[in-house]
All heavy atoms as atom14 arrays in JSON, in Angstrom:
{
  "sequence": "AGGSLRLSCAASGVTRRLNNMGWYRQAPGK",
  "atom14_mask": [
    [1, 1, 1, 1, 1, 0, 0, 0, 0, 0, 0, 0, 0, 0],
    [1, 1, 1, 1, 0, 0, 0, 0, 0, 0, 0, 0, 0, 0],
    [1, 1, 1, 1, 0, 0, 0, 0, 0, 0, 0, 0, 0, 0],
    [1, 1, 1, 1, 1, 1, 0, 0, 0, 0, 0, 0, 0, 0],
    [1, 1, 1, 1, 1, 1, 1, 1, 0, 0, 0, 0, 0, 0],
    [1, 1, 1, 1, 1, 1, 1, 1, 1, 1, 1, 0, 0, 0],
    [1, 1, 1, 1, 1, 1, 1, 1, 0, 0, 0, 0, 0, 0],
    [1, 1, 1, 1, 1, 1, 0, 0, 0, 0, 0, 0, 0, 0],
    [1, 1, 1, 1, 1, 1, 0, 0, 0, 0, 0, 0, 0, 0],
    [1, 1, 1, 1, 1, 0, 0, 0, 0, 0, 0, 0, 0, 0],
    [1, 1, 1, 1, 1, 0, 0, 0, 0, 0, 0, 0, 0, 0],
    [1, 1, 1, 1, 1, 1, 0, 0, 0, 0, 0, 0, 0, 0],
    [1, 1, 1, 1, 0, 0, 0, 0, 0, 0, 0, 0, 0, 0],
    [1, 1, 1, 1, 1, 1, 1, 0, 0, 0, 0, 0, 0, 0],
    [1, 1, 1, 1, 1, 1, 1, 0, 0, 0, 0, 0, 0, 0],
    [1, 1, 1, 1, 1, 1, 1, 1, 1, 1, 1, 0, 0, 0],
    [1, 1, 1, 1, 1, 1, 1, 1, 1, 1, 1, 0, 0, 0],
    [1, 1, 1, 1, 1, 1, 1, 1, 0, 0, 0, 0, 0, 0],
    [1, 1, 1, 1, 1, 1, 1, 1, 0, 0, 0, 0, 0, 0],
    [1, 1, 1, 1, 1, 1, 1, 1, 0, 0, 0, 0, 0, 0],
    [1, 1, 1, 1, 1, 1, 1, 1, 0, 0, 0, 0, 0, 0],
    [1, 1, 1, 1, 0, 0, 0, 0, 0, 0, 0, 0, 0, 0],
    [1, 1, 1, 1, 1, 1, 1, 1, 1, 1, 1, 1, 1, 1],
    [1, 1, 1, 1, 1, 1, 1, 1, 1, 1, 1, 1, 0, 0],
    [1, 1, 1, 1, 1, 1, 1, 1, 1, 1, 1, 0, 0, 0],
    [1, 1, 1, 1, 1, 1, 1, 1, 1, 0, 0, 0, 0, 0],
    [1, 1, 1, 1, 1, 0, 0, 0, 0, 0, 0, 0, 0, 0],
    [1, 1, 1, 1, 1, 1, 1, 0, 0, 0, 0, 0, 0, 0],
    [1, 1, 1, 1, 0, 0, 0, 0, 0, 0, 0, 0, 0, 0],
    [1, 1, 1, 1, 1, 1, 1, 1, 1, 0, 0, 0, 0, 0]
  ],
  "atom14_positions": [
    [[-11.06, -4.64, 4.74], [-10.31, -3.5, 5.54], [-8.85, -3.94, 5.71], [-8.52, -5.14, 5.88], [-10.93, -3.31, 6.92], [0.0, 0.0, 0.0], [0.0, 0.0, 0.0], [0.0, 0.0, 0.0], [0.0, 0.0, 0.0], [0.0, 0.0, 0.0], [0.0, 0.0, 0.0], [0.0, 0.0, 0.0], [0.0, 0.0, 0.0], [0.0, 0.0, 0.0]],
    [[-8.06, -2.91, 5.47], [-6.54, -3.22, 5.56], [-5.99, -3.49, 4.13], [-4.77, -3.61, 4.01], [0.0, 0.0, 0.0], [0.0, 0.0, 0.0], [0.0, 0.0, 0.0], [0.0, 0.0, 0.0], [0.0, 0.0, 0.0], [0.0, 0.0, 0.0], [0.0, 0.0, 0.0], [0.0, 0.0, 0.0], [0.0, 0.0, 0.0], [0.0, 0.0, 0.0]],
    [[-6.71, -3.82, 3.2], [-6.34, -4.05, 1.82], [-5.97, -2.78, 1.01], [-5.98, -1.7, 1.47], [0.0, 0.0, 0.0], [0.0, 0.0, 0.0], [0.0, 0.0, 0.0], [0.0, 0.0, 0.0], [0.0, 0.0, 0.0], [0.0, 0.0, 0.0], [0.0, 0.0, 0.0], [0.0, 0.0, 0.0], [0.0, 0.0, 0.0], [0.0, 0.0, 0.0]],
    [[-5.69, -3.09, -0.31], [-5.21, -2.08, -1.14], [-5.94, -2.1, -2.42], [-6.38, -3.15, -2.96], [-3.74, -2.18, -1.43], [-2.94, -2.06, -0.18], [0.0, 0.0, 0.0], [0.0, 0.0, 0.0], [0.0, 0.0, 0.0], [0.0, 0.0, 0.0], [0.0, 0.0, 0.0], [0.0, 0.0, 0.0], [0.0, 0.0, 0.0], [0.0, 0.0, 0.0]],
    [[-6.12, -0.93, -3.16], [-6.64, -0.83, -4.39], [-5.84, 0.14, -5.16], [-5.42, 1.2, -4.48], [-8.12, -0.56, -4.57], [-9.11, -1.57, -4.1], [-10.51, -1.03, -4.08], [-9.17, -2.64, -5.23], [0.0, 0.0, 0.0], [0.0, 0.0, 0.0], [0.0, 0.0, 0.0], [0.0, 0.0, 0.0], [0.0, 0.0, 0.0], [0.0, 0.0, 0.0]],
    [[-5.71, 0.12, -6.54], [-5.2, 1.12, -7.29], [-6.2, 1.62, -8.4], [-6.6, 0.9, -9.15], [-3.89, 0.7, -7.97], [-3.12, 1.81, -8.73], [-2.02, 1.27, -9.54], [-1.15, 2.29, -9.99], [-0.58, 2.31, -11.14], [-0.77, 1.33, -11.98], [0.36, 3.19, -11.51], [0.0, 0.0, 0.0], [0.0, 0.0, 0.0], [0.0, 0.0, 0.0]],
    [[-6.47, 2.86, -8.29], [-7.41, 3.46, -9.19], [-6.65, 4.18, -10.29], [-5.54, 4.68, -10.16], [-8.38, 4.46, -8.56], [-9.07, 4.03, -7.42], [-10.08, 5.29, -6.97], [-9.98, 2.84, -7.75], [0.0, 0.0, 0.0], [0.0, 0.0, 0.0], [0.0, 0.0, 0.0], [0.0, 0.0, 0.0], [0.0, 0.0, 0.0], [0.0, 0.0, 0.0]],
    [[-7.14, 4.03, -11.57], [-6.48, 4.66, -12.7], [-7.6, 5.48, -13.44], [-8.77, 5.28, -13.29], [-6.02, 3.7, -13.72], [-5.03, 2.81, -13.16], [0.0, 0.0, 0.0], [0.0, 0.0, 0.0], [0.0, 0.0, 0.0], [0.0, 0.0, 0.0], [0.0, 0.0, 0.0], [0.0, 0.0, 0.0], [0.0, 0.0, 0.0], [0.0, 0.0, 0.0]],
    [[-7.14, 6.56, -14.06], [-8.04, 7.44, -14.81], [-7.27, 7.86, -16.06], [-6.18, 8.39, -16.1], [-8.4, 8.84, -13.98], [-9.3, 9.97, -14.87], [0.0, 0.0, 0.0], [0.0, 0.0, 0.0], [0.0, 0.0, 0.0], [0.0, 0.0, 0.0], [0.0, 0.0, 0.0], [0.0, 0.0, 0.0], [0.0, 0.0, 0.0], [0.0, 0.0, 0.0]],
    [[-7.98, 7.53, -17.15], [-7.48, 7.92, -18.51], [-8.14, 9.2, -18.91], [-9.37, 9.13, -19.1], [-7.59, 6.74, -19.43], [0.0, 0.0, 0.0], [0.0, 0.0, 0.0], [0.0, 0.0, 0.0], [0.0, 0.0, 0.0], [0.0, 0.0, 0.0], [0.0, 0.0, 0.0], [0.0, 0.0, 0.0], [0.0, 0.0, 0.0], [0.0, 0.0, 0.0]],
    [[-7.33, 10.13, -19.41], [-7.92, 11.32, -19.98], [-7.6, 11.46, -21.4], [-6.54, 11.15, -21.9], [-7.31, 12.62, -19.36], [0.0, 0.0, 0.0], [0.0, 0.0, 0.0], [0.0, 0.0, 0.0], [0.0, 0.0, 0.0], [0.0, 0.0, 0.0], [0.0, 0.0, 0.0], [0.0, 0.0, 0.0], [0.0, 0.0, 0.0], [0.0, 0.0, 0.0]],
    [[-8.67, 11.73, -22.23], [-8.62, 11.87, -23.7], [-9.12, 13.27, -24.08], [-9.92, 13.9, -23.33], [-9.3, 10.84, -24.41], [-10.67, 10.9, -24.09], [0.0, 0.0, 0.0], [0.0, 0.0, 0.0], [0.0, 0.0, 0.0], [0.0, 0.0, 0.0], [0.0, 0.0, 0.0], [0.0, 0.0, 0.0], [0.0, 0.0, 0.0], [0.0, 0.0, 0.0]],
    [[-8.75, 13.74, -25.22], [-9.17, 15.02, -25.75], [-8.55, 16.24, -24.95], [-9.07, 17.43, -25.16], [0.0, 0.0, 0.0], [0.0, 0.0, 0.0], [0.0, 0.0, 0.0], [0.0, 0.0, 0.0], [0.0, 0.0, 0.0], [0.0, 0.0, 0.0], [0.0, 0.0, 0.0], [0.0, 0.0, 0.0], [0.0, 0.0, 0.0], [0.0, 0.0, 0.0]],
    [[-7.43, 16.0, -24.22], [-6.84, 17.1, -23.39], [-6.03, 18.03, -24.41], [-5.1, 17.48, -25.04], [-5.88, 16.51, -22.33], [-5.37, 17.68, -21.58], [-6.77, 15.58, -21.49], [0.0, 0.0, 0.0], [0.0, 0.0, 0.0], [0.0, 0.0, 0.0], [0.0, 0.0, 0.0], [0.0, 0.0, 0.0], [0.0, 0.0, 0.0], [0.0, 0.0, 0.0]],
    [[-6.3, 19.3, -24.43], [-5.57, 20.19, -25.21], [-4.68, 21.31, -24.43], [-3.71, 21.73, -24.83], [-6.45, 20.97, -26.14], [-7.4, 21.65, -25.4], [-7.3, 20.04, -27.11], [0.0, 0.0, 0.0], [0.0, 0.0, 0.0], [0.0, 0.0, 0.0], [0.0, 0.0, 0.0], [0.0, 0.0, 0.0], [0.0, 0.0, 0.0], [0.0, 0.0, 0.0]],
    [[-5.17, 21.41, -23.18], [-4.48, 22.34, -22.28], [-3.47, 21.55, -21.48], [-3.94, 20.8, -20.51], [-5.38, 23.26, -21.45], [-6.18, 24.15, -22.29], [-7.22, 24.99, -21.38], [-7.82, 25.98, -22.29], [-7.29, 27.19, -22.44], [-6.2, 27.57, -21.87], [-7.98, 28.04, -23.21], [0.0, 0.0, 0.0], [0.0, 0.0, 0.0], [0.0, 0.0, 0.0]],
    [[-2.17, 21.73, -21.7], [-1.13, 21.02, -21.03], [-1.1, 21.15, -19.56], [-0.9, 20.26, -18.73], [0.17, 21.12, -21.73], [1.36, 20.28, -21.21], [2.54, 20.56, -21.99], [2.95, 21.88, -22.1], [3.9, 22.25, -21.15], [4.38, 21.55, -20.29], [4.29, 23.52, -21.16], [0.0, 0.0, 0.0], [0.0, 0.0, 0.0], [0.0, 0.0, 0.0]],
    [[-1.28, 22.47, -19.16], [-1.11, 22.83, -17.83], [-2.35, 22.69, -17.13], [-3.22, 23.59, -17.01], [-0.61, 24.17, -17.59], [0.82, 24.44, -18.21], [1.24, 26.0, -18.1], [1.86, 23.63, -17.62], [0.0, 0.0, 0.0], [0.0, 0.0, 0.0], [0.0, 0.0, 0.0], [0.0, 0.0, 0.0], [0.0, 0.0, 0.0], [0.0, 0.0, 0.0]],
    [[-2.6, 21.47, -16.43], [-3.85, 21.07, -15.78], [-3.56, 20.54, -14.44], [-2.49, 19.77, -14.34], [-4.82, 20.36, -16.76], [-4.05, 19.06, -17.2], [-3.91, 18.18, -16.4], [-3.74, 19.01, -18.53], [0.0, 0.0, 0.0], [0.0, 0.0, 0.0], [0.0, 0.0, 0.0], [0.0, 0.0, 0.0], [0.0, 0.0, 0.0], [0.0, 0.0, 0.0]],
    [[-4.44, 20.53, -13.54], [-4.44, 19.89, -12.35], [-5.37, 18.63, -12.46], [-6.52, 18.76, -13.1], [-4.85, 20.69, -11.27], [-3.93, 21.91, -10.95], [-2.74, 21.82, -11.28], [-4.4, 23.13, -10.55], [0.0, 0.0, 0.0], [0.0, 0.0, 0.0], [0.0, 0.0, 0.0], [0.0, 0.0, 0.0], [0.0, 0.0, 0.0], [0.0, 0.0, 0.0]],
    [[-4.95, 17.6, -11.92], [-5.81, 16.34, -11.87], [-6.03, 15.84, -10.38], [-5.21, 16.19, -9.59], [-5.23, 15.23, -12.8], [-5.12, 15.61, -14.28], [-4.65, 14.26, -15.21], [-6.28, 13.4, -15.37], [0.0, 0.0, 0.0], [0.0, 0.0, 0.0], [0.0, 0.0, 0.0], [0.0, 0.0, 0.0], [0.0, 0.0, 0.0], [0.0, 0.0, 0.0]],
    [[-6.95, 15.09, -10.21], [-7.22, 14.63, -8.9], [-8.26, 13.58, -8.82], [-8.94, 13.22, -9.72], [0.0, 0.0, 0.0], [0.0, 0.0, 0.0], [0.0, 0.0, 0.0], [0.0, 0.0, 0.0], [0.0, 0.0, 0.0], [0.0, 0.0, 0.0], [0.0, 0.0, 0.0], [0.0, 0.0, 0.0], [0.0, 0.0, 0.0], [0.0, 0.0, 0.0]],
    [[-8.52, 13.21, -7.47], [-9.61, 12.35, -7.19], [-10.35, 12.96, -6.03], [-9.97, 13.46, -5.13], [-9.02, 11.02, -6.68], [-8.19, 10.32, -7.7], [-6.9, 10.42, -7.97], [-8.76, 9.37, -8.63], [-6.53, 9.52, -9.0], [-7.63, 8.95, -9.41], [-9.96, 8.73, -8.82], [-7.9, 7.93, -10.45], [-10.19, 7.89, -9.82], [-9.09, 7.45, -10.59]],
    [[-11.67, 12.73, -6.26], [-12.71, 13.11, -5.23], [-13.56, 11.88, -5.0], [-13.5, 10.86, -5.73], [-13.71, 14.22, -5.88], [-13.12, 15.64, -5.98], [-12.05, 15.89, -6.79], [-13.57, 16.63, -5.04], [-11.49, 17.18, -6.99], [-12.94, 17.84, -5.17], [-12.01, 18.2, -6.19], [-11.48, 19.45, -6.18], [0.0, 0.0, 0.0], [0.0, 0.0, 0.0]],
    [[-14.29, 11.99, -3.83], [-15.16, 10.87, -3.48], [-16.48, 11.44, -2.92], [-16.51, 12.35, -2.36], [-14.47, 9.79, -2.58], [-14.16, 10.4, -1.21], [-13.33, 9.35, -0.38], [-13.13, 9.92, 0.87], [-12.21, 9.16, 1.76], [-11.57, 8.09, 1.44], [-12.03, 9.68, 3.02], [0.0, 0.0, 0.0], [0.0, 0.0, 0.0], [0.0, 0.0, 0.0]],
    [[-17.53, 10.43, -3.14], [-18.76, 10.77, -2.57], [-19.4, 9.49, -1.9], [-19.62, 8.64, -2.67], [-19.7, 11.45, -3.61], [-20.97, 11.94, -2.98], [-21.73, 12.78, -3.98], [-21.47, 12.77, -5.2], [-22.69, 13.57, -3.41], [0.0, 0.0, 0.0], [0.0, 0.0, 0.0], [0.0, 0.0, 0.0], [0.0, 0.0, 0.0], [0.0, 0.0, 0.0]],
    [[-19.55, 9.58, -0.68], [-20.17, 8.48, 0.06], [-21.78, 8.68, 0.18], [-22.21, 9.86, 0.06], [-19.71, 8.3, 1.44], [0.0, 0.0, 0.0], [0.0, 0.0, 0.0], [0.0, 0.0, 0.0], [0.0, 0.0, 0.0], [0.0, 0.0, 0.0], [0.0, 0.0, 0.0], [0.0, 0.0, 0.0], [0.0, 0.0, 0.0], [0.0, 0.0, 0.0]],
    [[-22.51, 7.69, 0.28], [-23.95, 7.98, 0.31], [-24.4, 8.94, 1.42], [-23.98, 8.87, 2.56], [-24.5, 6.49, 0.68], [-23.47, 5.52, 0.18], [-22.18, 6.36, 0.49], [0.0, 0.0, 0.0], [0.0, 0.0, 0.0], [0.0, 0.0, 0.0], [0.0, 0.0, 0.0], [0.0, 0.0, 0.0], [0.0, 0.0, 0.0], [0.0, 0.0, 0.0]],
    [[-25.19, 9.87, 1.12], [-25.7, 10.85, 1.96], [-24.66, 11.94, 2.35], [-24.97, 12.71, 3.24], [0.0, 0.0, 0.0], [0.0, 0.0, 0.0], [0.0, 0.0, 0.0], [0.0, 0.0, 0.0], [0.0, 0.0, 0.0], [0.0, 0.0, 0.0], [0.0, 0.0, 0.0], [0.0, 0.0, 0.0], [0.0, 0.0, 0.0], [0.0, 0.0, 0.0]],
    [[-23.54, 11.98, 1.69], [-22.44, 12.89, 2.06], [-22.07, 13.7, 0.7], [-22.38, 13.27, -0.45], [-21.29, 12.34, 2.61], [-21.5, 11.57, 3.96], [-20.13, 11.1, 4.4], [-20.29, 10.51, 5.82], [-19.01, 9.98, 6.47], [0.0, 0.0, 0.0], [0.0, 0.0, 0.0], [0.0, 0.0, 0.0], [0.0, 0.0, 0.0], [0.0, 0.0, 0.0]]
  ]
}
């Protein structure tokens, strides 16, 4: 707790330039 992390996501095969990207999360039972 109090620490930091950096997540990365590499996308391949993208043909539609105008796209939205983002991050979602799912905790157990939620």
